Amino acid sequence: ESGAGMVKIEMTCKHQILSLNIDDSLISEDKDMLEDLLVAAFNDAIRKVEKTTQEQFSGMASGLNLPPGMKLPF
């Protein structure tokens, strides 16, 4: 999300967009600002996907007895 929740994006861990919500007050606002908020919301969604994916892989890798410093996914 961006703009204090004025733009929200829901994305799967495969980077597929499920929904996009834009606050009605932004529709009549400056186009450049809306574009900036959309970019920020997409980037926030991608960061959250990467964090979730990394957390899930770290849990799976804990039982693999990998050498110290080796990380998944490669």
Protein backbone atom coordinates (compact mmCIF):
# COMPACT_ATOMS: atom_id res chain seq x y z
CA GLU A 1 0.00 0.00 0.00
CA SER A 2 1.00 3.63 -0.33
CA GLY A 3 -0.32 7.09 0.48
CA ALA A 4 -1.41 6.00 3.97
CA GLY A 5 -3.64 3.31 2.46
CA MET A 6 -5.05 5.41 -0.38
CA VAL A 7 -3.66 2.90 -2.90
CA LYS A 8 -3.70 -0.81 -2.02
CA ILE A 9 -2.54 -3.78 -4.06
CA GLU A 10 -3.06 -7.44 -3.22
CA MET A 11 -0.50 -9.76 -4.85
CA THR A 12 0.23 -13.48 -4.69
CA CYS A 13 3.72 -14.84 -4.02
CA LYS A 14 3.89 -15.55 -7.74
CA HIS A 15 3.58 -11.79 -8.39
CA GLN A 16 0.05 -12.06 -9.75
CA ILE A 17 -2.09 -9.02 -8.93
CA LEU A 18 -5.38 -10.03 -7.29
CA SER A 19 -6.80 -6.59 -6.63
CA LEU A 20 -6.08 -2.88 -6.92
CA ASN A 21 -7.94 -0.36 -4.77
CA ILE A 22 -7.62 3.40 -5.39
CA ASP A 23 -9.30 5.84 -3.00
CA ASP A 24 -11.97 7.87 -4.80
CA SER A 25 -10.34 11.15 -3.74
CA LEU A 26 -7.29 10.34 -5.89
CA ILE A 27 -9.27 10.01 -9.11
CA SER A 28 -9.68 13.76 -9.47
CA GLU A 29 -6.16 14.50 -8.15
CA ASP A 30 -2.94 15.09 -10.02
CA LYS A 31 -2.12 12.27 -12.49
CA ASP A 32 1.59 12.33 -11.58
CA MET A 33 0.82 11.85 -7.89
CA LEU A 34 -1.49 8.92 -8.64
CA GLU A 35 1.19 7.30 -10.81
CA ASP A 36 3.78 7.74 -8.03
CA LEU A 37 1.42 6.17 -5.48
CA LEU A 38 0.75 3.21 -7.78
CA VAL A 39 4.48 2.61 -8.26
CA ALA A 40 5.04 2.80 -4.49
CA ALA A 41 2.19 0.37 -3.82
CA PHE A 42 3.50 -2.14 -6.37
CA ASN A 43 7.00 -1.91 -4.89
CA ASP A 44 5.59 -2.41 -1.39
CA ALA A 45 3.69 -5.51 -2.55
CA ILE A 46 6.84 -6.95 -4.14
CA ARG A 47 8.88 -6.34 -0.96
CA LYS A 48 6.23 -8.12 1.09
CA VAL A 49 6.17 -11.08 -1.34
CA GLU A 50 9.97 -11.37 -1.15
CA LYS A 51 9.91 -11.23 2.66
CA THR A 52 7.17 -13.88 2.87
CA THR A 53 8.98 -16.14 0.41
CA GLN A 54 12.28 -15.78 2.26
CA GLU A 55 10.61 -16.58 5.60
CA GLN A 56 8.98 -19.71 4.16
CA PHE A 57 12.22 -20.94 2.58
CA SER A 58 14.22 -20.32 5.76
CA GLY A 59 11.82 -22.54 7.70
CA MET A 60 12.15 -25.31 5.13
CA ALA A 61 15.94 -25.01 4.96
CA SER A 62 16.41 -25.34 8.72
CA GLY A 63 16.10 -29.12 8.51
CA LEU A 64 18.49 -29.52 5.57
CA ASN A 65 21.75 -29.06 7.57
CA LEU A 66 23.22 -26.62 5.03
CA PRO A 67 26.72 -25.24 5.59
CA PRO A 68 26.84 -21.91 7.47
CA GLY A 69 26.24 -18.92 5.19
CA MET A 70 24.52 -20.91 2.45
CA LYS A 71 21.12 -19.43 1.67
CA LEU A 72 18.07 -20.58 -0.26
CA PRO A 73 16.86 -19.94 -2.87
CA PHE A 74 20.18 -19.97 -4.70
